[in-house]
Amino acid sequence: MSQMLDLDDFPIGTLARTPSGRIGVVIKHKGAASKQARKHGLEVDPTGEVLHQNVSDADPKNFIWGCAFGHGLAIDAVLAIRLNAELGYSPEEGVQNLLRDAFRNLDRSPTLNGLDRRGLAAGVIYTIAALAAQAIQGADALAEAERLRAEAVELATSVDIEQSQRLKARAMARREAKQTQAVAA
């Protein structure tokens, strides 16, 4: 009897048969990302997405210790975001979600015993800012910013055109309705 090999055992680009019997080309190794995530103590969702802890998930701490743990949360998140990018997930979305959660916790007041998540949030935000600053120093930073601006302008332009077309169609429909009423009268 032949032994069933895991698809991760085949090099990317080779033809392989899945456990269900389908034949196809190996595009990426999801298991490799899962193994690496588990090695670093990160959870893996059944969909294959690597999960990381957000500020809201962590236990409240005093501010100083919270900052230290916040840096650790950001480091784990960076690894998870990298692994998820290899699997085809949006790295920008991962960073946005991490920052949204951190800023939400930054404005919360401390609890009665002085423990809260503000230090965690500050540590996460500081680490992401430092990583962004490092990326900005790279040669491709301005080119990436220009690409994002061009995408935003293109989207805004298309939304303006669609809105203009809707308004024009609505005005034409009103004009036609008035003409129909005038003819009927």
C-alpha atoms as a PDB file:
ATOM      1  CA  MET A   1       0.000   0.000   0.000  1.00  0.00           C
ATOM      2  CA  SER A   2       1.370   3.437  -0.899  1.00  0.00           C
ATOM      3  CA  GLN A   3       1.814   6.122   1.691  1.00  0.00           C
ATOM      4  CA  MET A   4      -0.167   9.371   1.141  1.00  0.00           C
ATOM      5  CA  LEU A   5       2.238  12.317   1.080  1.00  0.00           C
ATOM      6  CA  ASP A   6       1.330  15.772   2.349  1.00  0.00           C
ATOM      7  CA  LEU A   7       1.064  18.410  -0.391  1.00  0.00           C
ATOM      8  CA  ASP A   8       3.689  20.414   1.489  1.00  0.00           C
ATOM      9  CA  ASP A   9       6.148  17.639   0.574  1.00  0.00           C
ATOM     10  CA  PHE A  10       5.886  18.542  -3.128  1.00  0.00           C
ATOM     11  CA  PRO A  11       7.856  21.497  -4.532  1.00  0.00           C
ATOM     12  CA  ILE A  12       5.816  24.502  -5.654  1.00  0.00           C
ATOM     13  CA  GLY A  13       4.944  24.189  -9.349  1.00  0.00           C
ATOM     14  CA  THR A  14       4.763  20.394  -9.447  1.00  0.00           C
ATOM     15  CA  LEU A  15       1.712  18.322 -10.373  1.00  0.00           C
ATOM     16  CA  ALA A  16       0.214  16.491  -7.386  1.00  0.00           C
ATOM     17  CA  ARG A  17      -2.893  14.553  -6.368  1.00  0.00           C
ATOM     18  CA  THR A  18      -4.829  15.899  -3.378  1.00  0.00           C
ATOM     19  CA  PRO A  19      -6.174  13.609  -0.652  1.00  0.00           C
ATOM     20  CA  SER A  20      -9.625  13.990  -2.270  1.00  0.00           C
ATOM     21  CA  GLY A  21      -8.241  12.646  -5.545  1.00  0.00           C
ATOM     22  CA  ARG A  22      -8.089  15.864  -7.550  1.00  0.00           C
ATOM     23  CA  ILE A  23      -4.963  16.588  -9.574  1.00  0.00           C
ATOM     24  CA  GLY A  24      -3.480  20.065  -9.683  1.00  0.00           C
ATOM     25  CA  VAL A  25      -0.360  22.193  -9.509  1.00  0.00           C
ATOM     26  CA  VAL A  26       1.051  23.017  -6.066  1.00  0.00           C
ATOM     27  CA  ILE A  27       0.806  26.821  -5.750  1.00  0.00           C
ATOM     28  CA  LYS A  28       1.770  27.435  -2.116  1.00  0.00           C
ATOM     29  CA  HIS A  29       2.460  25.529   1.061  1.00  0.00           C
ATOM     30  CA  LYS A  30      -0.082  26.484   3.697  1.00  0.00           C
ATOM     31  CA  GLY A  31       1.267  23.921   6.113  1.00  0.00           C
ATOM     32  CA  ALA A  32       4.702  25.530   6.131  1.00  0.00           C
ATOM     33  CA  ALA A  33       3.241  28.798   7.391  1.00  0.00           C
ATOM     34  CA  SER A  34       1.196  26.908   9.988  1.00  0.00           C
ATOM     35  CA  LYS A  35       4.244  25.022  11.239  1.00  0.00           C
ATOM     36  CA  GLN A  36       6.262  28.220  11.498  1.00  0.00           C
ATOM     37  CA  ALA A  37       3.393  29.999  13.294  1.00  0.00           C
ATOM     38  CA  ARG A  38       3.020  27.210  15.844  1.00  0.00           C
ATOM     39  CA  LYS A  39       6.786  27.182  16.371  1.00  0.00           C
ATOM     40  CA  HIS A  40       6.497  30.828  17.486  1.00  0.00           C
ATOM     41  CA  GLY A  41       3.474  30.169  19.686  1.00  0.00           C
ATOM     42  CA  LEU A  42       0.877  31.682  17.337  1.00  0.00           C
ATOM     43  CA  GLU A  43      -2.522  30.106  16.776  1.00  0.00           C
ATOM     44  CA  VAL A  44      -3.725  29.006  13.349  1.00  0.00           C
ATOM     45  CA  ASP A  45      -7.381  29.350  12.363  1.00  0.00           C
ATOM     46  CA  PRO A  46      -9.012  26.331  10.635  1.00  0.00           C
ATOM     47  CA  THR A  47      -9.040  28.473   7.448  1.00  0.00           C
ATOM     48  CA  GLY A  48      -5.237  28.572   7.612  1.00  0.00           C
ATOM     49  CA  GLU A  49      -4.988  32.212   8.684  1.00  0.00           C
ATOM     50  CA  VAL A  50      -2.363  32.838  11.365  1.00  0.00           C
ATOM     51  CA  LEU A  51      -3.887  34.575  14.385  1.00  0.00           C
ATOM     52  CA  HIS A  52      -2.166  37.002  16.716  1.00  0.00           C
ATOM     53  CA  GLN A  53      -3.223  38.597  19.975  1.00  0.00           C
ATOM     54  CA  ASN A  54      -4.617  42.133  19.881  1.00  0.00           C
ATOM     55  CA  VAL A  55      -4.432  44.643  22.733  1.00  0.00           C
ATOM     56  CA  SER A  56      -8.093  43.907  23.617  1.00  0.00           C
ATOM     57  CA  ASP A  57      -7.232  40.213  24.063  1.00  0.00           C
ATOM     58  CA  ALA A  58      -4.452  40.826  26.597  1.00  0.00           C
ATOM     59  CA  ASP A  59      -4.824  41.071  30.358  1.00  0.00           C
ATOM     60  CA  PRO A  60      -4.624  44.609  31.786  1.00  0.00           C
ATOM     61  CA  LYS A  61      -1.201  45.563  33.173  1.00  0.00           C
ATOM     62  CA  ASN A  62       0.394  48.597  34.767  1.00  0.00           C
ATOM     63  CA  PHE A  63       1.534  51.137  32.165  1.00  0.00           C
ATOM     64  CA  ILE A  64       5.275  50.369  32.152  1.00  0.00           C
ATOM     65  CA  TRP A  65       4.874  46.584  31.908  1.00  0.00           C
ATOM     66  CA  GLY A  66       2.076  47.119  29.415  1.00  0.00           C
ATOM     67  CA  CYS A  67       4.445  49.010  27.110  1.00  0.00           C
ATOM     68  CA  ALA A  68       6.944  46.153  27.234  1.00  0.00           C
ATOM     69  CA  PHE A  69       4.265  43.554  26.525  1.00  0.00           C
ATOM     70  CA  GLY A  70       2.831  45.798  23.785  1.00  0.00           C
ATOM     71  CA  HIS A  71       6.130  45.616  21.909  1.00  0.00           C
ATOM     72  CA  GLY A  72       5.906  41.824  22.139  1.00  0.00           C
ATOM     73  CA  LEU A  73       2.339  41.862  20.807  1.00  0.00           C
ATOM     74  CA  ALA A  74       3.477  43.925  17.828  1.00  0.00           C
ATOM     75  CA  ILE A  75       6.406  41.588  17.143  1.00  0.00           C
ATOM     76  CA  ASP A  76       4.086  38.552  17.181  1.00  0.00           C
ATOM     77  CA  ALA A  77       1.645  40.420  14.943  1.00  0.00           C
ATOM     78  CA  VAL A  78       4.404  41.254  12.452  1.00  0.00           C
ATOM     79  CA  LEU A  79       5.278  37.568  12.178  1.00  0.00           C
ATOM     80  CA  ALA A  80       1.595  36.620  11.790  1.00  0.00           C
ATOM     81  CA  ILE A  81       1.043  39.333   9.166  1.00  0.00           C
ATOM     82  CA  ARG A  82       4.102  38.134   7.203  1.00  0.00           C
ATOM     83  CA  LEU A  83       2.945  34.524   7.274  1.00  0.00           C
ATOM     84  CA  ASN A  84      -0.584  35.549   6.278  1.00  0.00           C
ATOM     85  CA  ALA A  85       0.811  37.604   3.370  1.00  0.00           C
ATOM     86  CA  GLU A  86       2.524  34.438   2.107  1.00  0.00           C
ATOM     87  CA  LEU A  87      -0.908  32.782   2.185  1.00  0.00           C
ATOM     88  CA  GLY A  88      -2.477  35.606   0.168  1.00  0.00           C
ATOM     89  CA  TYR A  89      -4.016  37.708   2.965  1.00  0.00           C
ATOM     90  CA  SER A  90      -3.641  41.511   2.870  1.00  0.00           C
ATOM     91  CA  PRO A  91      -0.759  42.700   5.076  1.00  0.00           C
ATOM     92  CA  GLU A  92      -2.207  46.237   5.107  1.00  0.00           C
ATOM     93  CA  GLU A  93      -5.458  44.951   6.575  1.00  0.00           C
ATOM     94  CA  GLY A  94      -3.578  43.119   9.326  1.00  0.00           C
ATOM     95  CA  VAL A  95      -1.693  46.269  10.333  1.00  0.00           C
ATOM     96  CA  GLN A  96      -4.860  48.391  10.147  1.00  0.00           C
ATOM     97  CA  ASN A  97      -6.741  46.000  12.427  1.00  0.00           C
ATOM     98  CA  LEU A  98      -3.861  45.912  14.913  1.00  0.00           C
ATOM     99  CA  LEU A  99      -3.630  49.721  15.044  1.00  0.00           C
ATOM    100  CA  ARG A 100      -7.415  50.210  15.196  1.00  0.00           C
ATOM    101  CA  ASP A 101      -7.570  47.958  18.250  1.00  0.00           C
ATOM    102  CA  ALA A 102      -4.558  49.646  19.873  1.00  0.00           C
ATOM    103  CA  PHE A 103      -5.959  53.166  19.411  1.00  0.00           C
ATOM    104  CA  ARG A 104      -9.354  52.027  20.746  1.00  0.00           C
ATOM    105  CA  ASN A 105      -7.625  50.893  23.960  1.00  0.00           C
ATOM    106  CA  LEU A 106      -5.344  53.934  24.208  1.00  0.00           C
ATOM    107  CA  ASP A 107      -8.223  56.237  25.172  1.00  0.00           C
ATOM    108  CA  ARG A 108      -9.589  54.042  27.951  1.00  0.00           C
ATOM    109  CA  SER A 109      -9.133  55.194  31.548  1.00  0.00           C
ATOM    110  CA  PRO A 110      -7.350  52.988  34.090  1.00  0.00           C
ATOM    111  CA  THR A 111      -9.259  50.622  36.325  1.00  0.00           C
ATOM    112  CA  LEU A 112      -9.459  51.078  40.090  1.00  0.00           C
ATOM    113  CA  ASN A 113      -6.346  49.024  40.774  1.00  0.00           C
ATOM    114  CA  GLY A 114      -4.286  50.981  38.203  1.00  0.00           C
ATOM    115  CA  LEU A 115      -4.239  48.221  35.594  1.00  0.00           C
ATOM    116  CA  ASP A 116      -5.359  48.859  32.043  1.00  0.00           C
ATOM    117  CA  ARG A 117      -4.403  48.256  28.409  1.00  0.00           C
ATOM    118  CA  ARG A 118      -3.089  51.751  27.624  1.00  0.00           C
ATOM    119  CA  GLY A 119       0.553  50.699  28.044  1.00  0.00           C
ATOM    120  CA  LEU A 120      -0.025  47.720  25.760  1.00  0.00           C
ATOM    121  CA  ALA A 121      -1.564  50.041  23.175  1.00  0.00           C
ATOM    122  CA  ALA A 122       1.314  52.516  23.432  1.00  0.00           C
ATOM    123  CA  GLY A 123       3.864  49.713  22.968  1.00  0.00           C
ATOM    124  CA  VAL A 124       2.071  48.381  19.881  1.00  0.00           C
ATOM    125  CA  ILE A 125       1.694  51.836  18.326  1.00  0.00           C
ATOM    126  CA  TYR A 126       5.320  52.764  19.027  1.00  0.00           C
ATOM    127  CA  THR A 127       6.599  49.516  17.491  1.00  0.00           C
ATOM    128  CA  ILE A 128       4.458  49.862  14.359  1.00  0.00           C
ATOM    129  CA  ALA A 129       5.577  53.515  14.036  1.00  0.00           C
ATOM    130  CA  ALA A 130       9.227  52.443  14.316  1.00  0.00           C
ATOM    131  CA  LEU A 131       8.695  49.774  11.659  1.00  0.00           C
ATOM    132  CA  ALA A 132       6.978  52.312   9.402  1.00  0.00           C
ATOM    133  CA  ALA A 133       9.839  54.770   9.899  1.00  0.00           C
ATOM    134  CA  GLN A 134      12.302  52.032   8.969  1.00  0.00           C
ATOM    135  CA  ALA A 135      10.294  51.234   5.831  1.00  0.00           C
ATOM    136  CA  ILE A 136      10.096  54.929   4.941  1.00  0.00           C
ATOM    137  CA  GLN A 137      13.890  55.086   4.955  1.00  0.00           C
ATOM    138  CA  GLY A 138      13.904  52.395   2.255  1.00  0.00           C
ATOM    139  CA  ALA A 139      14.272  53.371  -1.378  1.00  0.00           C
ATOM    140  CA  ASP A 140      10.800  52.167  -2.403  1.00  0.00           C
ATOM    141  CA  ALA A 141       8.828  54.045   0.270  1.00  0.00           C
ATOM    142  CA  LEU A 142       7.937  57.093  -1.836  1.00  0.00           C
ATOM    143  CA  ALA A 143       7.112  54.966  -4.854  1.00  0.00           C
ATOM    144  CA  GLU A 144       4.706  52.922  -2.709  1.00  0.00           C
ATOM    145  CA  ALA A 145       3.139  56.083  -1.268  1.00  0.00           C
ATOM    146  CA  GLU A 146       2.681  57.478  -4.782  1.00  0.00           C
ATOM    147  CA  ARG A 147       1.080  54.200  -5.903  1.00  0.00           C
ATOM    148  CA  LEU A 148      -1.365  54.326  -2.986  1.00  0.00           C
ATOM    149  CA  ARG A 149      -2.203  57.964  -3.735  1.00  0.00           C
ATOM    150  CA  ALA A 150      -2.807  57.146  -7.422  1.00  0.00           C
ATOM    151  CA  GLU A 151      -5.150  54.295  -6.383  1.00  0.00           C
ATOM    152  CA  ALA A 152      -7.051  56.628  -4.048  1.00  0.00           C
ATOM    153  CA  VAL A 153      -7.382  59.323  -6.745  1.00  0.00           C
ATOM    154  CA  GLU A 154      -8.580  56.723  -9.256  1.00  0.00           C
ATOM    155  CA  LEU A 155     -11.171  55.423  -6.791  1.00  0.00           C
ATOM    156  CA  ALA A 156     -12.359  58.938  -5.907  1.00  0.00           C
ATOM    157  CA  THR A 157     -12.628  59.840  -9.594  1.00  0.00           C
ATOM    158  CA  SER A 158     -14.669  56.734 -10.394  1.00  0.00           C
ATOM    159  CA  VAL A 159     -16.991  57.409  -7.436  1.00  0.00           C
ATOM    160  CA  ASP A 160     -17.463  61.017  -8.631  1.00  0.00           C
ATOM    161  CA  ILE A 161     -18.269  59.815 -12.151  1.00  0.00           C
ATOM    162  CA  GLU A 162     -20.779  57.254 -10.845  1.00  0.00           C
ATOM    163  CA  GLN A 163     -22.434  59.848  -8.604  1.00  0.00           C
ATOM    164  CA  SER A 164     -22.572  62.353 -11.476  1.00  0.00           C
ATOM    165  CA  GLN A 165     -24.166  59.735 -13.749  1.00  0.00           C
ATOM    166  CA  ARG A 166     -26.778  58.891 -11.093  1.00  0.00           C
ATOM    167  CA  LEU A 167     -27.655  62.560 -10.604  1.00  0.00           C
ATOM    168  CA  LYS A 168     -27.891  63.080 -14.353  1.00  0.00           C
ATOM    169  CA  ALA A 169     -30.151  60.034 -14.750  1.00  0.00           C
ATOM    170  CA  ARG A 170     -32.362  61.236 -11.885  1.00  0.00           C
ATOM    171  CA  ALA A 171     -32.657  64.729 -13.433  1.00  0.00           C
ATOM    172  CA  MET A 172     -33.542  63.234 -16.821  1.00  0.00           C
ATOM    173  CA  ALA A 173     -36.189  61.026 -15.201  1.00  0.00           C
ATOM    174  CA  ARG A 174     -37.730  64.057 -13.462  1.00  0.00           C
ATOM    175  CA  ARG A 175     -37.725  66.047 -16.698  1.00  0.00           C
ATOM    176  CA  GLU A 176     -39.374  63.145 -18.515  1.00  0.00           C
ATOM    177  CA  ALA A 177     -42.010  62.814 -15.762  1.00  0.00           C
ATOM    178  CA  LYS A 178     -42.808  66.554 -16.001  1.00  0.00           C
ATOM    179  CA  GLN A 179     -43.135  66.312 -19.766  1.00  0.00           C
ATOM    180  CA  THR A 180     -45.455  63.310 -19.435  1.00  0.00           C
ATOM    181  CA  GLN A 181     -47.601  65.224 -16.922  1.00  0.00           C
ATOM    182  CA  ALA A 182     -47.726  68.263 -19.221  1.00  0.00           C
ATOM    183  CA  VAL A 183     -48.818  66.149 -22.190  1.00  0.00           C
ATOM    184  CA  ALA A 184     -51.476  64.391 -20.077  1.00  0.00           C
ATOM    185  CA  ALA A 185     -52.853  67.721 -18.839  1.00  0.00           C
END
